[in-house]
Amino acid sequence: MKSIIKLQVVAILIAIVFFSCSDDYLDLKDKQNITESSFWSTKDHAIQGITATYAALQGHDGDKWTFFEETYTSIAYKGDDLDNNKNEGYSKTIANFTNGTEVSGPFNIWATCYAGIGRANQVIDKVPSITSMSEQERNEIVGEAKFLRGYFYFMLVNAFEHVPLVLKFEKDLTKLQVPQAKPEEVWAQIEKDLRDAELVLPSSYDDANVGRATKGAAKAFLGKVFLFREKWTLAESKFKEIYGQYSLNANYEDNFNGNSENGQESIFEIQFSGDRTLSDERHPFNYEVKPYALDGWELFYPSDWLVTELKKDKKADGSYSDRVYGTIFFDDPKSEIWDLNRPASLVPYASIASNLLRPNYFKKYAYPTDRSGSYIGININVIRYADVLLMLAEALNENEKTNEAIDRINEVRTRSGAVALVSGSKTKDELRDWIRNHERPIELSMEWTNRWFDLVRWGRGATAKQPIKSILTAHDKPFSSNFVEDKHIRFAIPSREINVNSQLKQNNGY
């Protein structure tokens, strides 16, 4: 497998042929006989370059398994909202906090992010010199590259904390053998990239380009960065700039079933089309979450703690909220899930209960929509409006605006029919705990990076700091006794990276 150095140096000409990553706007034609000296001269070249950068969102190697069985499981399995299948090997040592430096999942996170950063750096360096494009066109594509570079560094600094900061595309291998930057320097660069992107990105795209990063996506992500840095006033202000510009889907499940991709609640998604023309634009999430009884793979399950919290989420008549039914498949007369037959049909829980090995299963992304062959092309949420509303509520609460925070939470609750919180019913401290350990996990469980990165920021933060081990222990996370706070809060620097860059220092405890 490739190291960060090789990933930085690989020509983007190769990437544009072998990677694609969206429904429509990343439909690439195979380019023949392109050399480095002839490339970066037209608008098409710029589009192909930024397309390759988006492609890294799926993974560094174009393999559909990399995202879901390597990077996704590595991050998700550390959280308290999931319980991995102990009979499956995927990220098993990460889930039980016994992993060393050789495990493949963290390397794939590292490789994926630096592949994206290397491609973004090349776009940022080369596109401004393409004279056949207008200044606005050049600025927008460079803005997209900066947005993506900010995203990839956000992933790295949360996952590894101590990472090299590489801001120029280099061919000289020795110039890529650099030490880790201070985390504060990485965070500052993320803020700068997102601020730059925010200034130049368009508010929307035509139908052929939907899914690309917008001004609203840059603002939302910048607000999230402020939140992670506990810059509460800046976070509140930034989220309010997009408040009301998006809206919640009436149907909670439309966030995961492919029916509202890039729609009114979507702010930024990883694009999957289901197409297999140039690369395999599918993913196996539908198999990974479903029970063996429906020919699924049962890679992981909702944790017992999450199920308990979900079952507290009720409507005024005492029935479960829509997001309960949209999140899990469980023992309830109204609970049902799609099978994997053709044509697919909804299966009531009671009809297969006797064949289930576990009482509860996830339901998100387990739909037959956008299906090609066995697998699906449903997009994966990176950030959606409900998340923004809850982050805004968190910032408001820290800014002594607890009742206003409750109003924003109620927007999310009302969509699913959950009983609204009463204004004045919670103190600032009580609402903080409610957001952290009920509202966010109930709304966003299992979604890409959300729970684990939340635990990381609360574990590192200064505001009502919560050691991760105390949360995992309180929520009966399996093997939480193995968790070492100043070790497992971050991944090990992959040993194969240290082997090619002697300036890298291993993270504490590994």
Protein backbone atom coordinates (compact mmCIF):
# COMPACT_ATOMS: atom_id res chain seq x y z
CA MET A 1 0.00 0.00 0.00
CA LYS A 2 1.08 3.58 -0.62
CA SER A 3 2.60 5.91 1.91
CA ILE A 4 1.75 9.58 2.37
CA ILE A 5 4.83 10.51 0.36
CA LYS A 6 3.85 8.40 -2.61
CA LEU A 7 0.26 9.58 -2.39
CA GLN A 8 1.41 13.19 -2.55
CA VAL A 9 3.54 12.55 -5.62
CA VAL A 10 1.17 10.39 -7.67
CA ALA A 11 0.21 12.38 -10.76
CA ILE A 12 -3.30 13.76 -10.77
CA LEU A 13 -3.51 12.54 -14.36
CA ILE A 14 -3.78 9.02 -12.98
CA ALA A 15 -6.39 10.08 -10.45
CA ILE A 16 -8.70 11.64 -13.01
CA VAL A 17 -8.83 8.41 -15.01
CA PHE A 18 -9.37 5.97 -12.19
CA PHE A 19 -11.46 7.90 -9.64
CA SER A 20 -14.93 9.37 -9.80
CA CYS A 21 -17.21 10.36 -6.92
CA SER A 22 -20.64 11.74 -7.68
CA ASP A 23 -23.98 11.17 -9.28
CA ASP A 24 -23.73 13.52 -12.28
CA TYR A 25 -21.17 16.25 -12.07
CA LEU A 26 -18.24 13.84 -11.76
CA ASP A 27 -19.01 11.90 -14.94
CA LEU A 28 -15.53 11.82 -16.48
CA LYS A 29 -14.36 10.87 -19.92
CA ASP A 30 -11.18 8.82 -20.22
CA LYS A 31 -8.40 11.15 -21.37
CA GLN A 32 -5.70 9.66 -23.57
CA ASN A 33 -2.14 10.78 -24.13
CA ILE A 34 -2.15 13.50 -21.47
CA THR A 35 1.21 14.59 -20.13
CA GLU A 36 1.98 16.82 -17.19
CA SER A 37 3.22 19.57 -19.51
CA SER A 38 -0.02 19.57 -21.51
CA PHE A 39 -2.34 19.34 -18.53
CA TRP A 40 -3.64 22.25 -16.43
CA SER A 41 -4.34 24.34 -19.50
CA THR A 42 -8.15 24.23 -19.86
CA LYS A 43 -11.30 24.45 -17.79
CA ASP A 44 -11.88 20.74 -18.40
CA HIS A 45 -8.53 20.02 -16.80
CA ALA A 46 -9.48 22.09 -13.78
CA ILE A 47 -12.78 20.21 -13.46
CA GLN A 48 -10.97 16.88 -13.73
CA GLY A 49 -8.49 17.97 -11.07
CA ILE A 50 -11.14 19.00 -8.57
CA THR A 51 -13.08 15.82 -9.41
CA ALA A 52 -10.08 13.75 -8.36
CA THR A 53 -10.00 15.71 -5.09
CA TYR A 54 -13.65 14.95 -4.38
CA ALA A 55 -12.93 11.30 -5.20
CA ALA A 56 -10.68 11.04 -2.16
CA LEU A 57 -13.76 11.48 0.05
CA GLN A 58 -14.56 7.86 -0.79
CA GLY A 59 -11.03 6.61 -0.24
CA HIS A 60 -7.49 6.93 -1.46
CA ASP A 61 -7.56 3.84 -3.67
CA GLY A 62 -10.97 3.93 -5.41
CA ASP A 63 -12.05 0.70 -3.70
CA LYS A 64 -15.61 0.66 -2.33
CA TRP A 65 -14.47 -1.46 0.61
CA THR A 66 -11.95 1.10 1.86
CA PHE A 67 -14.50 3.61 3.16
CA PHE A 68 -16.91 1.23 4.83
CA GLU A 69 -14.77 -1.62 6.11
CA GLU A 70 -11.64 0.37 6.91
CA THR A 71 -12.12 4.08 7.59
CA TYR A 72 -15.77 3.98 8.70
CA THR A 73 -15.40 1.07 11.11
CA SER A 74 -12.15 2.46 12.55
CA ILE A 75 -13.83 5.68 13.64
CA ALA A 76 -17.34 4.45 14.38
CA TYR A 77 -16.32 1.45 16.47
CA LYS A 78 -14.66 3.65 19.08
CA GLY A 79 -17.96 5.33 19.97
CA ASP A 80 -20.62 4.33 22.49
CA ASP A 81 -23.50 4.28 19.99
CA LEU A 82 -22.27 1.13 18.19
CA ASP A 83 -21.38 -2.38 19.24
CA ASN A 84 -19.26 -4.31 16.76
CA ASN A 85 -19.90 -7.94 15.90
CA LYS A 86 -17.26 -9.73 17.95
CA ASN A 87 -17.13 -12.58 15.42
CA GLU A 88 -15.99 -10.26 12.62
CA GLY A 89 -12.42 -9.07 12.30
CA TYR A 90 -13.08 -5.60 10.92
CA SER A 91 -11.45 -3.03 13.25
CA LYS A 92 -11.87 -5.52 16.08
CA THR A 93 -8.79 -4.43 18.02
CA ILE A 94 -9.83 -0.79 17.66
CA ALA A 95 -13.24 -1.59 19.13
CA ASN A 96 -11.69 -3.33 22.13
CA PHE A 97 -8.87 -0.77 22.52
CA THR A 98 -5.99 -3.19 22.04
CA ASN A 99 -4.80 -2.01 18.62
CA GLY A 100 -1.19 -1.22 17.89
CA THR A 101 0.45 0.74 15.09
CA GLU A 102 0.05 -1.80 12.28
CA VAL A 103 -3.76 -1.96 12.05
CA SER A 104 -4.96 -1.10 8.54
CA GLY A 105 -7.97 1.12 9.29
CA PRO A 106 -6.12 4.16 10.68
CA PHE A 107 -3.59 3.90 7.86
CA ASN A 108 -6.44 4.11 5.37
CA ILE A 109 -7.77 7.22 7.13
CA TRP A 110 -4.30 8.75 6.93
CA ALA A 111 -3.76 7.72 3.30
CA THR A 112 -7.20 8.89 2.21
CA CYS A 113 -6.81 12.31 3.80
CA TYR A 114 -3.34 12.92 2.43
CA ALA A 115 -4.39 11.73 -1.01
CA GLY A 116 -7.15 14.35 -0.91
CA ILE A 117 -4.76 16.99 0.43
CA GLY A 118 -2.19 16.25 -2.25
CA ARG A 119 -4.80 16.61 -4.99
CA ALA A 120 -6.22 19.76 -3.42
CA ASN A 121 -2.74 21.26 -3.21
CA GLN A 122 -2.20 20.63 -6.91
CA VAL A 123 -5.52 22.27 -7.81
CA ILE A 124 -4.73 25.28 -5.61
CA ASP A 125 -1.28 25.59 -7.21
CA LYS A 126 -2.17 25.00 -10.87
CA VAL A 127 -5.68 26.31 -11.54
CA PRO A 128 -4.89 30.04 -11.02
CA SER A 129 -2.59 29.93 -14.06
CA ILE A 130 -5.23 28.57 -16.47
CA THR A 131 -5.87 31.64 -18.61
CA SER A 132 -8.73 30.11 -20.60
CA MET A 133 -10.97 30.33 -17.53
CA SER A 134 -12.61 33.40 -16.05
CA GLU A 135 -11.34 34.67 -12.72
CA GLN A 136 -14.60 33.66 -11.07
CA GLU A 137 -14.33 30.11 -12.44
CA ARG A 138 -10.76 29.79 -11.19
CA ASN A 139 -11.63 31.21 -7.79
CA GLU A 140 -14.57 28.85 -7.32
CA ILE A 141 -12.58 25.72 -8.12
CA VAL A 142 -9.72 26.81 -5.87
CA GLY A 143 -12.36 27.49 -3.20
CA GLU A 144 -13.65 23.95 -3.55
CA ALA A 145 -10.11 22.62 -3.17
CA LYS A 146 -9.58 24.67 -0.02
CA PHE A 147 -12.89 23.47 1.40
CA LEU A 148 -11.84 19.87 0.79
CA ARG A 149 -8.35 20.42 2.16
CA GLY A 150 -9.91 21.91 5.29
CA TYR A 151 -12.18 18.87 5.58
CA PHE A 152 -9.30 16.40 5.25
CA TYR A 153 -7.22 18.22 7.86
CA PHE A 154 -10.27 18.31 10.15
CA MET A 155 -10.39 14.52 9.85
CA LEU A 156 -6.67 14.17 10.54
CA VAL A 157 -6.39 16.51 13.51
CA ASN A 158 -9.36 14.85 15.22
CA ALA A 159 -8.24 11.31 14.43
CA PHE A 160 -4.47 11.62 15.01
CA GLU A 161 -4.05 15.13 16.52
CA HIS A 162 -0.34 15.37 15.61
CA VAL A 163 0.01 15.43 11.83
CA PRO A 164 2.25 17.04 9.19
CA LEU A 165 0.87 20.22 7.63
CA VAL A 166 1.59 20.01 3.90
CA LEU A 167 0.26 22.96 1.88
CA LYS A 168 2.13 22.59 -1.40
CA PHE A 169 2.16 19.81 -3.97
CA GLU A 170 5.69 18.46 -3.98
CA LYS A 171 7.55 16.14 -6.32
CA ASP A 172 10.73 16.19 -4.27
CA LEU A 173 10.32 13.36 -1.77
CA THR A 174 12.67 14.96 0.72
CA LYS A 175 10.37 17.99 1.00
CA LEU A 176 7.58 15.70 2.15
CA GLN A 177 9.63 14.28 5.00
CA VAL A 178 8.45 16.88 7.47
CA PRO A 179 7.63 16.73 11.18
CA GLN A 180 4.18 17.05 12.67
CA ALA A 181 2.81 20.53 13.11
CA LYS A 182 1.35 21.74 16.37
CA PRO A 183 -2.40 20.95 16.49
CA GLU A 184 -3.12 24.68 16.88
CA GLU A 185 -1.36 25.33 13.55
CA VAL A 186 -3.48 22.70 11.82
CA TRP A 187 -6.69 24.15 13.28
CA ALA A 188 -5.63 27.64 12.18
CA GLN A 189 -5.07 26.40 8.63
CA ILE A 190 -8.46 24.68 8.59
CA GLU A 191 -10.10 27.96 9.61
CA LYS A 192 -8.16 29.86 6.94
CA ASP A 193 -9.06 27.40 4.20
CA LEU A 194 -12.75 27.48 5.09
CA ARG A 195 -12.80 31.28 5.34
CA ASP A 196 -11.16 31.50 1.91
CA ALA A 197 -13.66 29.00 0.50
CA GLU A 198 -16.61 30.81 2.04
CA LEU A 199 -15.71 34.02 0.20
CA VAL A 200 -15.68 32.54 -3.30
CA LEU A 201 -17.94 29.48 -3.39
CA PRO A 202 -21.35 29.86 -5.04
CA SER A 203 -24.53 29.53 -3.01
CA SER A 204 -25.84 26.81 -5.33
CA TYR A 205 -25.15 24.93 -8.55
CA ASP A 206 -27.20 23.88 -11.54
CA ASP A 207 -28.64 20.37 -11.63
CA ALA A 208 -25.59 18.97 -13.41
CA ASN A 209 -23.27 20.11 -10.59
CA VAL A 210 -25.32 19.49 -7.46
CA GLY A 211 -23.23 17.97 -4.68
CA ARG A 212 -20.23 20.24 -4.99
CA ALA A 213 -19.22 22.34 -1.98
CA THR A 214 -21.26 25.53 -1.61
CA LYS A 215 -20.92 28.73 0.37
CA GLY A 216 -23.40 27.29 2.86
CA ALA A 217 -21.29 24.15 3.26
CA ALA A 218 -18.20 26.27 3.98
CA LYS A 219 -20.12 28.32 6.56
CA ALA A 220 -21.53 25.21 8.23
CA PHE A 221 -18.15 23.53 8.40
CA LEU A 222 -16.47 26.69 9.67
CA GLY A 223 -19.11 26.94 12.38
CA LYS A 224 -18.37 23.34 13.30
CA VAL A 225 -14.66 24.13 13.54
CA PHE A 226 -15.43 27.08 15.83
CA LEU A 227 -17.56 24.74 17.95
CA PHE A 228 -14.75 22.20 18.21
CA ARG A 229 -12.39 25.01 19.25
CA GLU A 230 -14.95 26.25 21.82
CA LYS A 231 -15.20 29.63 20.11
CA TRP A 232 -18.82 29.81 21.11
CA THR A 233 -19.63 33.34 19.95
CA LEU A 234 -18.08 32.77 16.53
CA ALA A 235 -19.84 29.43 16.21
CA GLU A 236 -23.23 30.94 17.05
CA SER A 237 -22.70 33.78 14.60
CA LYS A 238 -21.58 31.51 11.76
CA PHE A 239 -24.42 29.03 12.18
CA LYS A 240 -26.92 31.88 12.26
CA GLU A 241 -25.66 33.01 8.87
CA ILE A 242 -27.19 29.87 7.36
CA TYR A 243 -30.08 29.46 9.78
CA GLY A 244 -33.27 29.24 7.71
CA GLN A 245 -31.42 28.76 4.43
CA TYR A 246 -31.93 25.01 4.72
CA SER A 247 -34.87 23.03 6.05
CA LEU A 248 -35.48 19.64 7.60
CA ASN A 249 -36.91 16.85 5.51
CA ALA A 250 -40.48 16.15 6.57
CA ASN A 251 -39.59 12.45 6.67
CA TYR A 252 -36.59 11.65 8.89
CA GLU A 253 -35.75 8.53 6.87
CA ASP A 254 -35.29 10.58 3.71
CA ASN A 255 -31.85 11.46 5.05
CA PHE A 256 -30.73 7.86 4.56
CA ASN A 257 -32.90 6.22 1.91
CA GLY A 258 -31.63 8.04 -1.16
CA ASN A 259 -34.91 9.85 -1.84
CA SER A 260 -33.64 13.32 -0.87
CA GLU A 261 -29.98 13.24 -1.84
CA ASN A 262 -28.48 16.74 -2.04
CA GLY A 263 -31.89 18.00 -0.96
CA GLN A 264 -33.20 20.62 1.42
CA GLU A 265 -31.59 19.16 4.55
CA SER A 266 -28.32 18.26 2.89
CA ILE A 267 -25.37 20.60 3.38
CA PHE A 268 -22.57 18.32 2.22
CA GLU A 269 -22.58 14.64 1.29
CA ILE A 270 -20.09 12.08 0.02
CA GLN A 271 -21.47 11.25 -3.40
CA PHE A 272 -22.14 7.67 -4.52
CA SER A 273 -24.00 7.01 -7.77
CA GLY A 274 -24.18 3.21 -8.03
CA ASP A 275 -22.47 3.48 -11.42
CA ARG A 276 -19.74 1.01 -12.42
CA THR A 277 -18.63 2.49 -15.74
CA LEU A 278 -15.19 3.81 -14.75
CA SER A 279 -15.02 2.82 -11.09
CA ASP A 280 -17.34 1.12 -8.64
CA GLU A 281 -19.62 3.89 -7.35
CA ARG A 282 -21.43 1.63 -4.92
CA HIS A 283 -21.12 0.77 -1.26
CA PRO A 284 -22.18 -2.21 0.89
CA PHE A 285 -23.87 -0.40 3.80
CA ASN A 286 -27.16 -2.17 3.06
CA TYR A 287 -25.49 -5.51 3.75
CA GLU A 288 -23.37 -4.40 6.68
CA VAL A 289 -26.23 -3.32 8.94
CA LYS A 290 -28.81 -5.99 8.10
CA PRO A 291 -29.34 -9.21 10.07
CA TYR A 292 -28.15 -12.60 8.89
CA ALA A 293 -31.80 -13.58 8.62
CA LEU A 294 -32.13 -11.16 5.69
CA ASP A 295 -28.79 -12.19 4.13
CA GLY A 296 -27.02 -9.26 5.79
CA TRP A 297 -23.58 -9.32 7.34
CA GLU A 298 -24.27 -7.91 10.83
CA LEU A 299 -20.97 -6.06 11.06
CA PHE A 300 -22.25 -3.89 13.90
CA TYR A 301 -25.32 -3.11 15.97
CA PRO A 302 -26.83 -0.22 17.93
CA SER A 303 -25.43 -0.30 21.44
CA ASP A 304 -27.73 -1.18 24.33
CA TRP A 305 -27.19 2.33 25.69
CA LEU A 306 -28.28 3.93 22.41
CA VAL A 307 -31.40 1.76 22.24
CA THR A 308 -32.29 2.76 25.80
CA GLU A 309 -31.91 6.45 24.89
CA LEU A 310 -33.90 6.03 21.69
CA LYS A 311 -36.78 4.48 23.56
CA LYS A 312 -37.04 7.63 25.69
CA ASP A 313 -37.81 9.59 22.51
CA LYS A 314 -41.58 9.61 22.42
CA LYS A 315 -44.55 11.45 20.98
CA ALA A 316 -47.30 13.02 23.05
CA ASP A 317 -49.38 9.82 22.87
CA GLY A 318 -46.53 7.76 24.31
CA SER A 319 -45.53 6.09 21.03
CA TYR A 320 -41.98 6.19 19.74
CA SER A 321 -40.85 9.10 17.58
CA ASP A 322 -40.25 8.75 13.86
CA ARG A 323 -36.48 8.88 14.33
CA VAL A 324 -36.65 5.81 16.56
CA TYR A 325 -38.28 3.82 13.77
CA GLY A 326 -35.94 5.40 11.24
CA THR A 327 -32.81 4.52 13.19
CA ILE A 328 -33.28 0.95 14.42
CA PHE A 329 -35.04 -2.30 13.61
CA PHE A 330 -36.37 -3.59 16.93
CA ASP A 331 -39.12 -5.53 18.67
CA ASP A 332 -42.11 -3.33 17.98
CA PRO A 333 -45.25 -3.86 15.86
CA LYS A 334 -44.42 -0.82 13.71
CA SER A 335 -40.76 -1.70 13.15
CA GLU A 336 -39.84 -2.98 9.69
CA ILE A 337 -36.83 -3.12 7.39
CA TRP A 338 -36.23 -3.79 3.69
CA ASP A 339 -35.03 -7.24 2.70
CA LEU A 340 -32.36 -7.83 0.06
CA ASN A 341 -34.62 -9.57 -2.45
CA ARG A 342 -35.53 -8.35 -5.91
CA PRO A 343 -37.94 -6.71 -5.80
CA ALA A 344 -37.27 -5.70 -2.20
CA SER A 345 -40.10 -5.67 0.30
CA LEU A 346 -40.59 -4.39 3.82
CA VAL A 347 -40.23 -7.06 6.49
CA PRO A 348 -41.99 -6.65 9.87
CA TYR A 349 -39.87 -7.41 12.92
CA ALA A 350 -42.28 -10.07 14.20
CA SER A 351 -42.01 -12.08 10.97
CA ILE A 352 -38.30 -12.86 11.47
CA ALA A 353 -37.89 -12.33 15.22
CA SER A 354 -37.31 -16.03 15.89
CA ASN A 355 -34.41 -16.07 13.42
CA LEU A 356 -32.57 -13.03 14.80
CA LEU A 357 -29.37 -13.42 16.80
CA ARG A 358 -29.60 -9.93 18.31
CA PRO A 359 -32.66 -7.95 19.43
CA ASN A 360 -31.74 -4.67 17.72
CA TYR A 361 -30.26 -3.63 14.38
CA PHE A 362 -29.51 -0.36 12.64
CA LYS A 363 -31.75 0.71 9.79
CA LYS A 364 -29.98 3.80 8.40
CA TYR A 365 -28.83 3.37 4.78
CA ALA A 366 -30.44 -0.10 4.63
CA TYR A 367 -32.68 0.69 1.65
CA PRO A 368 -32.96 -0.69 -1.90
CA THR A 369 -32.74 2.80 -3.47
CA ASP A 370 -30.01 3.48 -6.05
CA ARG A 371 -29.20 -0.21 -6.19
CA SER A 372 -26.83 -1.62 -8.78
CA GLY A 373 -26.09 -5.31 -8.52
CA SER A 374 -26.01 -6.21 -4.86
CA TYR A 375 -24.89 -2.86 -3.47
CA ILE A 376 -26.25 0.67 -3.35
CA GLY A 377 -25.25 4.21 -4.31
CA ILE A 378 -26.96 6.19 -1.54
CA ASN A 379 -24.96 9.28 -0.58
CA ILE A 380 -23.39 9.51 2.87
CA ASN A 381 -24.09 12.58 5.01
CA VAL A 382 -21.10 14.62 6.13
CA ILE A 383 -23.14 17.46 7.57
CA ARG A 384 -26.88 18.05 7.44
CA TYR A 385 -29.15 20.81 8.71
CA ALA A 386 -30.34 18.94 11.81
CA ASP A 387 -26.71 18.70 12.88
CA VAL A 388 -26.31 22.45 12.34
CA LEU A 389 -29.39 23.17 14.47
CA LEU A 390 -28.04 21.04 17.31
CA MET A 391 -24.59 22.61 17.06
CA LEU A 392 -26.20 26.06 17.07
CA ALA A 393 -28.15 25.02 20.16
CA GLU A 394 -24.93 23.94 21.85
CA ALA A 395 -23.26 27.28 21.09
CA LEU A 396 -26.32 29.23 22.23
CA ASN A 397 -26.40 27.33 25.50
CA GLU A 398 -22.74 28.05 26.20
CA ASN A 399 -23.48 31.71 25.40
CA GLU A 400 -26.09 31.83 28.21
CA LYS A 401 -29.03 31.62 25.77
CA THR A 402 -30.46 28.36 27.06
CA ASN A 403 -34.09 28.99 26.12
CA GLU A 404 -33.14 29.97 22.58
CA ALA A 405 -31.07 26.77 22.44
CA ILE A 406 -34.14 24.78 23.47
CA ASP A 407 -36.07 26.35 20.58
CA ARG A 408 -33.47 25.10 18.08
CA ILE A 409 -33.51 21.62 19.62
CA ASN A 410 -37.30 21.59 19.37
CA GLU A 411 -37.11 22.18 15.64
CA VAL A 412 -35.26 18.89 15.34
CA ARG A 413 -37.51 17.07 17.79
CA THR A 414 -40.73 18.30 16.20
CA ARG A 415 -39.74 16.94 12.79
CA SER A 416 -39.85 13.42 14.23
CA GLY A 417 -42.89 14.03 16.40
CA ALA A 418 -40.96 13.91 19.67
CA VAL A 419 -42.43 15.90 22.53
CA ALA A 420 -40.93 19.39 22.62
CA LEU A 421 -38.76 20.46 25.53
CA VAL A 422 -40.38 23.10 27.70
CA SER A 423 -38.71 26.49 27.76
CA GLY A 424 -37.06 27.06 31.12
CA SER A 425 -37.20 23.37 32.01
CA LYS A 426 -33.44 22.87 31.96
CA THR A 427 -30.49 24.74 33.36
CA LYS A 428 -27.46 25.43 31.21
CA ASP A 429 -25.61 22.43 32.67
CA GLU A 430 -28.62 20.15 32.29
CA LEU A 431 -29.15 21.16 28.67
CA ARG A 432 -25.47 20.65 27.88
CA ASP A 433 -25.70 17.10 29.18
CA TRP A 434 -28.95 16.54 27.27
CA ILE A 435 -27.38 17.69 24.00
CA ARG A 436 -24.28 15.58 24.52
CA ASN A 437 -25.79 12.35 25.77
CA HIS A 438 -29.29 12.31 24.33
CA GLU A 439 -30.16 14.73 21.56
CA ARG A 440 -27.07 14.44 19.36
CA PRO A 441 -26.67 10.64 19.59
CA ILE A 442 -30.42 10.10 19.10
CA GLU A 443 -30.53 12.26 15.97
CA LEU A 444 -27.09 11.47 14.52
CA SER A 445 -26.15 7.97 15.69
CA MET A 446 -24.07 5.88 13.28
CA GLU A 447 -23.51 8.85 10.96
CA TRP A 448 -20.03 9.47 9.62
CA THR A 449 -17.60 10.59 12.40
CA ASN A 450 -20.27 12.33 14.50
CA ARG A 451 -20.29 10.46 17.78
CA TRP A 452 -16.61 9.64 18.11
CA PHE A 453 -15.45 13.13 17.15
CA ASP A 454 -17.98 14.58 19.60
CA LEU A 455 -16.47 12.45 22.35
CA VAL A 456 -12.98 13.55 21.31
CA ARG A 457 -13.81 17.27 21.45
CA TRP A 458 -15.52 16.99 24.84
CA GLY A 459 -12.56 14.95 26.09
CA ARG A 460 -10.03 17.53 24.89
CA GLY A 461 -12.06 20.64 25.62
CA ALA A 462 -11.97 23.01 28.55
CA THR A 463 -15.73 23.56 28.82
CA ALA A 464 -17.27 20.93 31.10
CA LYS A 465 -14.52 18.52 30.10
CA GLN A 466 -15.69 14.90 30.01
CA PRO A 467 -13.04 12.19 29.94
CA ILE A 468 -13.98 9.71 27.25
CA LYS A 469 -13.43 6.71 29.48
CA SER A 470 -15.98 7.99 31.99
CA ILE A 471 -18.61 8.27 29.23
CA LEU A 472 -17.80 4.87 27.74
CA THR A 473 -17.92 3.28 31.18
CA ALA A 474 -21.21 4.96 32.10
CA HIS A 475 -22.72 3.77 28.81
CA ASP A 476 -21.48 0.18 29.24
CA LYS A 477 -19.23 0.26 26.20
CA PRO A 478 -17.67 -3.22 25.85
CA PHE A 479 -13.97 -3.23 26.77
CA SER A 480 -14.14 0.32 28.13
CA SER A 481 -11.83 -0.88 30.92
CA ASN A 482 -9.10 -1.16 28.27
CA PHE A 483 -9.44 2.50 27.32
CA VAL A 484 -6.43 4.66 28.24
CA GLU A 485 -7.41 8.32 28.10
CA ASP A 486 -4.24 9.91 26.74
CA LYS A 487 -3.67 7.03 24.32
CA HIS A 488 -6.91 5.93 22.75
CA ILE A 489 -8.29 9.44 22.32
CA ARG A 490 -6.18 9.43 19.15
CA PHE A 491 -5.01 6.80 16.69
CA ALA A 492 -1.41 5.69 16.46
CA ILE A 493 0.60 7.25 13.66
CA PRO A 494 0.75 4.37 11.15
CA SER A 495 4.08 2.61 11.50
CA ARG A 496 4.54 2.43 7.75
CA GLU A 497 4.49 6.25 7.69
CA ILE A 498 7.12 6.50 10.41
CA ASN A 499 9.21 4.02 8.40
CA VAL A 500 9.36 6.40 5.43
CA ASN A 501 9.50 9.66 7.38
CA SER A 502 11.92 9.58 10.29
CA GLN A 503 10.74 13.02 11.44
CA LEU A 504 7.37 11.68 12.54
CA LYS A 505 6.94 11.01 16.26
CA GLN A 506 4.60 8.30 17.50
CA ASN A 507 1.55 9.33 19.53
CA ASN A 508 1.57 8.75 23.27
CA GLY A 509 1.22 5.18 24.46
CA TYR A 510 1.78 3.34 21.17
